[in-house]
Amino acid sequence: MASFHDSLHLPLFTALLVLLGTHLVTLYDTSILRSTFAATTASCFASIFSFGDSLADTGNLLHYLGDDAGALAQLPYGETYFHHATGRLSDGRLIIDFIAQASGLPLVPPYLAGTSAQDFRYGANFAVAGATALDNDFFRAKGLNVTWTEYSLGVQFNWFKQLLPSLCSTDSDCKGIMSNSLFLVGEIGWNDHSHSFEQGRTTDEIRTFIPNIVEVISSVIDDLIKLGAKTFVVPGIFPSGCVSTYLTAFQSEDAEDYDPDTGCIRWVNEFSAYHNHLLQNELDRLRRLHPHVTIIYADYYEALMSIFHSPQKFGFKKAPLDACCGGGGPYNVNFSLLCGAPMTTVCSDPSMFVFWDGTHLTDAASEIVARGLLEGPYADPPIIQTC
């Protein structure tokens, strides 16, 4: 889509980028969860616009990398639902795909794959795998060696501003598009943490980044409201201490570091919970400022913790922290053999696994989380109640 994004010249990737107080809740019927999503919110939204990282990227990184996309452009990625690689870091659909299907809308197309405004009449996805909330200048100022994408949340929002005039001809038309669309802002921020951890920064230092991350997210929401947006879904981050890649990177000989019920790393989850706490506080502030705008917090953390507490009740195997696709090791994660590389293995039934490649969800897990957002209890209000 040259007219929209030819002006952005970024370093070319040479390798696949991956995104690097719990309680039991009411459980869903697994037979319902694993059934095909119906259009439960049909005609609720005219379009969906999404910002974020690999948890929502439906093909932007793949399109950008082109011939250098490597494993991302090949099976087993996409094997379960699409039966070919689509650029999604999963065996199938992402949470945003289930929300779109339940809304009676087409799957949200990646912005970088578009050729005309007509491609985006039902929305656009600006999320890019590896993206951070903070611009890379922030990390450079902290002395970090920036080796990841420069498609930060701010860049993604600028893409949206470039696209919007092509979708509407008058201010009134634009306001109509904004007010009748659903805006997903995130998940974003996890990569800000993981990139910093990878370069040896301490937890205490990275905690000081979180207010900056939340401020950027809040600023984008506020700017979208000024343009006329009325309905938002803003996810928190995963319980990182349960994620296969984090469990591998921060393995400990001290049993006290682990939650005996779930096997997750306590201190990492506490860090994630702190991020989500600050984000929720900021969303509360925005709600007070904009009482006529619906801002839904999507609780990815508790949605996944409910699975980790009782995986078999959701149709997953008893040990839910392993990756379906990987290169071996305690959690089937080998940082030298990422999913799709030669000599990696793929489980026979991804629907029994929460994690696809050690970081990203399987189609089955994404469906369960999406159901919790659409119908509750992991979104307040549930998305289907905003119609």
Protein backbone atom coordinates (compact mmCIF):
# COMPACT_ATOMS: atom_id res chain seq x y z
CA MET A 1 0.00 0.00 0.00
CA ALA A 2 2.56 2.50 -1.22
CA SER A 3 0.59 5.70 -0.78
CA PHE A 4 0.17 5.03 2.93
CA HIS A 5 3.49 3.68 4.14
CA ASP A 6 6.28 4.09 1.59
CA SER A 7 7.67 6.95 3.67
CA LEU A 8 8.72 4.59 6.47
CA HIS A 9 12.20 3.12 5.93
CA LEU A 10 13.17 0.72 8.70
CA PRO A 11 16.03 -1.75 9.19
CA LEU A 12 15.32 -5.13 7.63
CA PHE A 13 14.89 -8.06 9.99
CA THR A 14 17.06 -11.09 9.43
CA ALA A 15 15.43 -13.40 11.95
CA LEU A 16 11.97 -14.13 13.23
CA LEU A 17 10.97 -11.81 16.08
CA VAL A 18 8.95 -13.37 18.87
CA LEU A 19 7.22 -11.66 21.70
CA LEU A 20 9.20 -12.33 24.18
CA GLY A 21 -2.93 -12.82 43.59
CA THR A 22 -4.72 -15.49 41.35
CA HIS A 23 -8.07 -17.13 42.03
CA LEU A 24 -10.44 -19.71 40.58
CA VAL A 25 -13.36 -18.40 38.59
CA THR A 26 -16.47 -19.88 37.03
CA LEU A 27 -15.42 -22.30 34.30
CA TYR A 28 -16.91 -22.54 30.84
CA ASP A 29 -18.31 -25.63 29.16
CA THR A 30 -15.47 -26.95 27.01
CA SER A 31 -17.83 -28.23 24.31
CA ILE A 32 -19.12 -24.69 23.83
CA LEU A 33 -15.64 -23.21 23.85
CA ARG A 34 -14.32 -25.55 21.19
CA SER A 35 -17.30 -25.05 18.88
CA THR A 36 -17.19 -22.75 15.88
CA PHE A 37 -17.64 -19.12 16.85
CA ALA A 38 -21.00 -17.70 15.84
CA ALA A 39 -21.59 -14.04 15.09
CA THR A 40 -22.79 -13.20 18.59
CA THR A 41 -22.34 -9.45 18.16
CA ALA A 42 -23.39 -9.17 14.51
CA SER A 43 -23.92 -5.57 13.36
CA CYS A 44 -22.48 -4.33 16.65
CA PHE A 45 -19.44 -2.67 15.05
CA ALA A 46 -18.93 -1.45 11.52
CA SER A 47 -15.20 -2.12 11.67
CA ILE A 48 -12.31 -3.06 13.94
CA PHE A 49 -8.98 -1.27 14.23
CA SER A 50 -6.19 -2.96 16.17
CA PHE A 51 -2.82 -1.89 17.57
CA GLY A 52 -0.28 -4.08 19.35
CA ASP A 53 2.40 -6.73 18.99
CA SER A 54 2.58 -10.38 17.95
CA LEU A 55 -0.45 -11.34 20.02
CA ALA A 56 -2.52 -9.39 17.49
CA ASP A 57 -0.34 -9.28 14.35
CA THR A 58 -2.31 -10.89 11.52
CA GLY A 59 0.44 -10.51 8.93
CA ASN A 60 2.24 -7.16 9.13
CA LEU A 61 5.63 -8.59 10.05
CA LEU A 62 5.30 -11.29 7.41
CA HIS A 63 4.51 -8.71 4.74
CA TYR A 64 7.36 -6.48 5.81
CA LEU A 65 9.95 -9.24 5.90
CA GLY A 66 8.94 -10.72 2.56
CA ASP A 67 11.50 -13.29 1.42
CA ASP A 68 13.33 -12.95 4.76
CA ALA A 69 10.34 -14.11 6.81
CA GLY A 70 11.80 -17.59 7.32
CA ALA A 71 9.76 -19.89 9.56
CA LEU A 72 6.99 -17.32 9.93
CA ALA A 73 6.07 -17.86 6.27
CA GLN A 74 5.91 -21.64 6.51
CA LEU A 75 4.02 -24.45 8.15
CA PRO A 76 3.61 -25.45 10.94
CA TYR A 77 2.52 -21.83 11.56
CA GLY A 78 -1.13 -21.66 10.53
CA GLU A 79 -1.57 -25.42 10.25
CA THR A 80 -4.72 -25.82 12.34
CA TYR A 81 -7.24 -23.33 10.96
CA PHE A 82 -5.85 -21.73 7.80
CA HIS A 83 -3.74 -24.74 6.73
CA HIS A 84 -1.03 -22.36 5.55
CA ALA A 85 1.12 -19.66 7.13
CA THR A 86 -0.58 -16.26 7.39
CA GLY A 87 1.91 -14.33 9.49
CA ARG A 88 0.09 -15.13 12.70
CA LEU A 89 2.37 -16.50 15.41
CA SER A 90 0.05 -19.40 16.13
CA ASP A 91 -1.17 -22.67 14.71
CA GLY A 92 -4.41 -20.86 13.87
CA ARG A 93 -6.39 -17.82 14.89
CA LEU A 94 -5.58 -15.07 17.35
CA ILE A 95 -7.86 -13.47 19.93
CA ILE A 96 -8.62 -10.61 17.53
CA ASP A 97 -9.76 -13.13 14.90
CA PHE A 98 -12.34 -14.62 17.25
CA ILE A 99 -13.59 -11.15 18.19
CA ALA A 100 -13.97 -10.28 14.50
CA GLN A 101 -15.80 -13.53 13.74
CA ALA A 102 -18.12 -13.05 16.70
CA SER A 103 -18.80 -9.51 15.46
CA GLY A 104 -19.86 -10.77 12.06
CA LEU A 105 -16.91 -9.04 10.40
CA PRO A 106 -14.14 -10.31 8.14
CA LEU A 107 -10.81 -11.09 9.76
CA VAL A 108 -8.99 -7.80 10.27
CA PRO A 109 -6.45 -7.32 7.45
CA PRO A 110 -2.84 -6.32 8.18
CA TYR A 111 -2.18 -2.71 7.21
CA LEU A 112 1.10 -3.40 5.43
CA ALA A 113 -0.59 -5.90 3.11
CA GLY A 114 -3.19 -3.45 1.83
CA THR A 115 -3.16 -2.02 -1.67
CA SER A 116 -6.06 0.44 -1.44
CA ALA A 117 -8.45 1.98 1.07
CA GLN A 118 -11.08 -0.50 -0.10
CA ASP A 119 -9.09 -3.25 1.63
CA PHE A 120 -9.83 -1.58 4.97
CA ARG A 121 -13.55 -0.84 4.73
CA TYR A 122 -14.12 -3.17 7.70
CA GLY A 123 -11.05 -2.08 9.64
CA ALA A 124 -7.30 -2.51 9.72
CA ASN A 125 -4.72 -4.17 11.91
CA PHE A 126 -1.60 -2.14 12.69
CA ALA A 127 -0.10 -4.58 15.21
CA VAL A 128 3.43 -5.81 14.44
CA ALA A 129 5.23 -8.74 16.06
CA GLY A 130 8.07 -7.51 18.25
CA ALA A 131 6.60 -4.03 18.65
CA THR A 132 7.02 -2.00 21.82
CA ALA A 133 4.79 0.63 23.35
CA LEU A 134 7.74 2.98 23.80
CA ASP A 135 9.63 4.44 20.86
CA ASN A 136 13.14 3.13 20.39
CA ASP A 137 14.67 6.48 21.36
CA PHE A 138 13.54 5.75 24.92
CA PHE A 139 15.55 2.54 25.01
CA ARG A 140 18.58 4.10 23.38
CA ALA A 141 18.53 6.81 26.03
CA LYS A 142 18.63 4.02 28.64
CA GLY A 143 21.70 2.53 26.97
CA LEU A 144 19.92 -0.46 25.44
CA ASN A 145 21.06 -1.85 22.11
CA VAL A 146 17.96 -1.63 19.92
CA THR A 147 17.81 -4.65 17.63
CA TRP A 148 14.05 -4.98 17.25
CA THR A 149 11.35 -3.42 15.08
CA GLU A 150 10.78 0.33 15.15
CA TYR A 151 7.06 -0.20 14.61
CA SER A 152 6.20 1.09 18.09
CA LEU A 153 2.69 2.00 19.20
CA GLY A 154 3.35 5.59 18.17
CA VAL A 155 4.31 4.50 14.65
CA GLN A 156 1.19 2.34 14.44
CA PHE A 157 -1.00 5.25 15.49
CA ASN A 158 0.59 7.43 12.81
CA TRP A 159 -0.30 4.74 10.25
CA PHE A 160 -3.90 4.98 11.39
CA LYS A 161 -3.91 8.76 11.02
CA GLN A 162 -2.51 8.37 7.50
CA LEU A 163 -5.19 5.82 6.62
CA LEU A 164 -8.26 7.53 8.07
CA PRO A 165 -8.66 10.32 5.44
CA SER A 166 -8.83 7.66 2.72
CA LEU A 167 -11.77 6.00 4.46
CA CYS A 168 -13.97 9.08 4.79
CA SER A 169 -14.47 12.29 2.82
CA THR A 170 -15.91 14.64 5.45
CA ASP A 171 -15.42 15.26 9.15
CA SER A 172 -18.90 13.89 9.73
CA ASP A 173 -18.11 10.70 7.82
CA CYS A 174 -14.89 10.25 9.78
CA LYS A 175 -16.67 10.76 13.09
CA GLY A 176 -19.18 8.13 12.00
CA ILE A 177 -16.45 5.60 11.26
CA MET A 178 -14.76 6.32 14.57
CA SER A 179 -17.90 6.10 16.67
CA ASN A 180 -19.09 2.85 15.07
CA SER A 181 -15.76 1.02 15.26
CA LEU A 182 -14.15 -1.13 17.92
CA PHE A 183 -10.58 -0.16 18.80
CA LEU A 184 -8.23 -2.76 20.29
CA VAL A 185 -5.25 -1.03 21.85
CA GLY A 186 -2.90 -3.81 22.84
CA GLU A 187 -1.77 -6.05 24.17
CA ILE A 188 1.32 -3.82 24.06
CA GLY A 189 4.17 -3.38 26.54
CA TRP A 190 5.29 -6.96 27.01
CA ASN A 191 8.11 -6.53 24.52
CA ASP A 192 9.27 -3.40 26.33
CA HIS A 193 9.89 -5.67 29.32
CA SER A 194 11.28 -8.69 27.50
CA HIS A 195 13.75 -6.75 25.34
CA SER A 196 15.07 -5.12 28.51
CA PHE A 197 15.31 -8.41 30.41
CA GLU A 198 17.20 -9.93 27.49
CA GLN A 199 19.88 -7.25 27.87
CA GLY A 200 20.38 -7.93 31.56
CA ARG A 201 18.44 -5.06 33.07
CA THR A 202 17.14 -5.60 36.59
CA THR A 203 13.52 -5.98 37.57
CA ASP A 204 13.73 -2.80 39.64
CA GLU A 205 14.95 -0.79 36.67
CA ILE A 206 12.39 -2.21 34.25
CA ARG A 207 9.60 -1.48 36.73
CA THR A 208 10.47 2.20 36.34
CA PHE A 209 9.66 1.89 32.61
CA ILE A 210 6.06 0.82 33.24
CA PRO A 211 4.63 4.31 33.97
CA ASN A 212 6.10 5.45 30.66
CA ILE A 213 4.56 2.47 28.86
CA VAL A 214 1.15 3.16 30.40
CA GLU A 215 1.44 6.85 29.53
CA VAL A 216 1.99 6.03 25.85
CA ILE A 217 -1.01 3.67 25.78
CA SER A 218 -3.15 6.30 27.48
CA SER A 219 -2.03 9.00 25.07
CA VAL A 220 -3.02 6.94 22.03
CA ILE A 221 -6.43 6.19 23.54
CA ASP A 222 -6.93 9.87 24.31
CA ASP A 223 -5.96 10.87 20.77
CA LEU A 224 -8.37 8.30 19.32
CA ILE A 225 -11.14 9.68 21.52
CA LYS A 226 -10.42 13.16 20.16
CA LEU A 227 -10.90 11.74 16.67
CA GLY A 228 -14.29 10.35 17.71
CA ALA A 229 -13.66 6.80 18.96
CA LYS A 230 -16.26 5.54 21.42
CA THR A 231 -15.45 1.90 22.19
CA PHE A 232 -12.11 0.45 23.26
CA VAL A 233 -10.75 -2.90 24.37
CA VAL A 234 -7.43 -2.49 26.19
CA PRO A 235 -5.76 -5.76 27.23
CA GLY A 236 -3.26 -6.20 30.02
CA ILE A 237 -0.23 -8.43 29.63
CA PHE A 238 -0.02 -12.19 30.16
CA PRO A 239 1.11 -13.75 33.45
CA SER A 240 4.67 -13.89 32.11
CA GLY A 241 5.81 -16.26 34.84
CA CYS A 242 3.65 -18.96 33.23
CA VAL A 243 4.93 -18.43 29.69
CA SER A 244 7.19 -21.22 28.42
CA THR A 245 9.93 -18.89 27.20
CA TYR A 246 10.07 -17.02 30.51
CA LEU A 247 10.05 -20.29 32.46
CA THR A 248 13.03 -21.39 30.38
CA ALA A 249 14.93 -18.10 30.62
CA PHE A 250 14.45 -17.75 34.39
CA GLN A 251 14.71 -21.35 35.56
CA SER A 252 15.49 -21.57 39.26
CA GLU A 253 16.71 -24.26 41.62
CA ASP A 254 14.73 -22.64 44.45
CA ALA A 255 11.30 -24.23 44.76
CA GLU A 256 10.08 -21.12 46.57
CA ASP A 257 10.33 -19.21 43.29
CA TYR A 258 7.47 -21.28 41.87
CA ASP A 259 3.75 -21.34 42.58
CA PRO A 260 3.13 -24.95 43.72
CA ASP A 261 -0.35 -24.98 42.19
CA THR A 262 0.51 -23.77 38.68
CA GLY A 263 4.29 -24.12 38.35
CA CYS A 264 4.56 -20.47 37.32
CA ILE A 265 7.40 -18.23 38.54
CA ARG A 266 6.05 -16.04 41.32
CA TRP A 267 8.24 -12.95 40.95
CA VAL A 268 7.70 -12.74 37.20
CA ASN A 269 3.94 -12.91 37.65
CA GLU A 270 4.13 -10.25 40.34
CA PHE A 271 5.93 -8.04 37.83
CA SER A 272 3.18 -8.64 35.24
CA ALA A 273 0.48 -7.93 37.82
CA TYR A 274 2.17 -4.62 38.69
CA HIS A 275 2.11 -3.59 35.02
CA ASN A 276 -1.58 -4.48 34.79
CA HIS A 277 -2.38 -2.63 38.02
CA LEU A 278 -0.89 0.61 36.72
CA LEU A 279 -2.66 0.17 33.39
CA GLN A 280 -6.03 -0.37 35.06
CA ASN A 281 -5.54 2.69 37.25
CA GLU A 282 -4.89 4.78 34.15
CA LEU A 283 -7.94 3.37 32.38
CA ASP A 284 -10.03 4.34 35.41
CA ARG A 285 -8.70 7.89 35.07
CA LEU A 286 -9.59 7.97 31.37
CA ARG A 287 -13.11 6.72 32.12
CA ARG A 288 -13.64 9.59 34.55
CA LEU A 289 -12.41 12.07 31.94
CA HIS A 290 -14.55 10.54 29.19
CA PRO A 291 -17.74 9.18 30.79
CA HIS A 292 -19.48 8.71 27.43
CA VAL A 293 -16.71 6.48 26.08
CA THR A 294 -16.62 2.73 26.78
CA ILE A 295 -13.13 1.58 27.78
CA ILE A 296 -13.03 -2.17 28.44
CA TYR A 297 -10.08 -3.69 30.26
CA ALA A 298 -9.34 -7.15 28.83
CA ASP A 299 -7.91 -9.29 31.62
CA TYR A 300 -5.58 -11.63 29.76
CA TYR A 301 -3.79 -12.32 33.04
CA GLU A 302 -6.74 -13.84 34.89
CA ALA A 303 -8.15 -15.51 31.78
CA LEU A 304 -4.95 -17.51 31.45
CA MET A 305 -4.50 -18.10 35.18
CA SER A 306 -7.91 -19.76 35.29
CA ILE A 307 -6.62 -22.21 32.67
CA PHE A 308 -3.35 -22.84 34.48
CA HIS A 309 -5.20 -23.58 37.72
CA SER A 310 -7.52 -26.13 36.08
CA PRO A 311 -6.24 -26.97 32.58
CA GLN A 312 -8.18 -30.20 32.12
CA LYS A 313 -11.49 -28.47 32.73
CA PHE A 314 -10.74 -26.38 29.66
CA GLY A 315 -9.71 -29.35 27.53
CA PHE A 316 -5.94 -28.95 27.89
CA LYS A 317 -3.40 -31.47 29.05
CA LYS A 318 -2.50 -31.72 32.71
CA ALA A 319 0.83 -29.88 32.31
CA PRO A 320 -0.18 -26.72 30.41
CA LEU A 321 3.10 -24.78 30.48
CA ASP A 322 4.85 -26.65 27.65
CA ALA A 323 5.06 -25.40 24.07
CA CYS A 324 3.43 -27.47 21.34
CA CYS A 325 6.12 -26.52 18.81
CA GLY A 326 9.73 -26.27 19.91
CA GLY A 327 13.23 -27.62 20.16
CA GLY A 328 13.13 -29.62 23.38
CA GLY A 329 13.95 -28.86 26.98
CA PRO A 330 11.78 -28.83 30.11
CA TYR A 331 9.10 -26.68 28.45
CA ASN A 332 9.93 -27.66 24.85
CA VAL A 333 11.71 -24.33 24.42
CA ASN A 334 15.19 -24.11 22.97
CA PHE A 335 16.31 -20.59 22.11
CA SER A 336 18.63 -22.03 19.45
CA LEU A 337 15.81 -24.03 17.83
CA LEU A 338 12.67 -21.92 17.61
CA CYS A 339 9.42 -23.31 16.23
CA GLY A 340 9.67 -24.03 12.53
CA ALA A 341 13.43 -24.53 12.48
CA PRO A 342 14.88 -27.86 11.34
CA MET A 343 14.93 -30.50 14.10
CA THR A 344 12.08 -28.91 16.04
CA THR A 345 9.02 -30.98 16.83
CA VAL A 346 5.31 -30.21 16.68
CA CYS A 347 2.76 -31.85 18.97
CA SER A 348 0.16 -34.07 17.35
CA ASP A 349 -2.80 -32.14 18.81
CA PRO A 350 -2.27 -28.38 19.35
CA SER A 351 -5.76 -28.09 20.86
CA MET A 352 -4.39 -29.83 23.97
CA PHE A 353 -1.80 -27.07 24.47
CA VAL A 354 -2.09 -23.49 25.69
CA PHE A 355 1.15 -22.30 24.11
CA TRP A 356 1.97 -22.83 20.47
CA ASP A 357 5.65 -21.83 20.20
CA GLY A 358 6.48 -21.09 23.82
CA THR A 359 5.19 -17.52 23.82
CA HIS A 360 2.07 -17.31 21.70
CA LEU A 361 -1.26 -19.03 22.20
CA THR A 362 -2.72 -21.90 20.24
CA ASP A 363 -5.95 -21.44 18.33
CA ALA A 364 -7.72 -23.33 21.13
CA ALA A 365 -6.37 -21.12 23.91
CA SER A 366 -7.10 -17.93 21.97
CA GLU A 367 -10.70 -19.05 21.56
CA ILE A 368 -11.12 -19.54 25.30
CA VAL A 369 -9.63 -16.15 26.13
CA ALA A 370 -11.73 -14.47 23.45
CA ARG A 371 -14.89 -16.05 24.84
CA GLY A 372 -14.02 -14.64 28.25
CA LEU A 373 -13.76 -11.17 26.73
CA LEU A 374 -16.90 -11.40 24.64
CA GLU A 375 -19.15 -12.89 27.30
CA GLY A 376 -17.26 -12.28 30.55
CA PRO A 377 -15.88 -12.60 33.12
CA TYR A 378 -12.57 -11.28 31.75
CA ALA A 379 -13.87 -8.02 30.32
CA ASP A 380 -15.90 -5.44 32.20
CA PRO A 381 -18.30 -4.91 30.57
CA PRO A 382 -18.20 -7.96 28.29
CA ILE A 383 -17.77 -6.89 24.68
CA ILE A 384 -21.17 -8.23 23.60
CA GLN A 385 -22.85 -5.95 26.16
CA THR A 386 -21.50 -2.82 24.47
CA CYS A 387 -23.92 -3.11 21.53
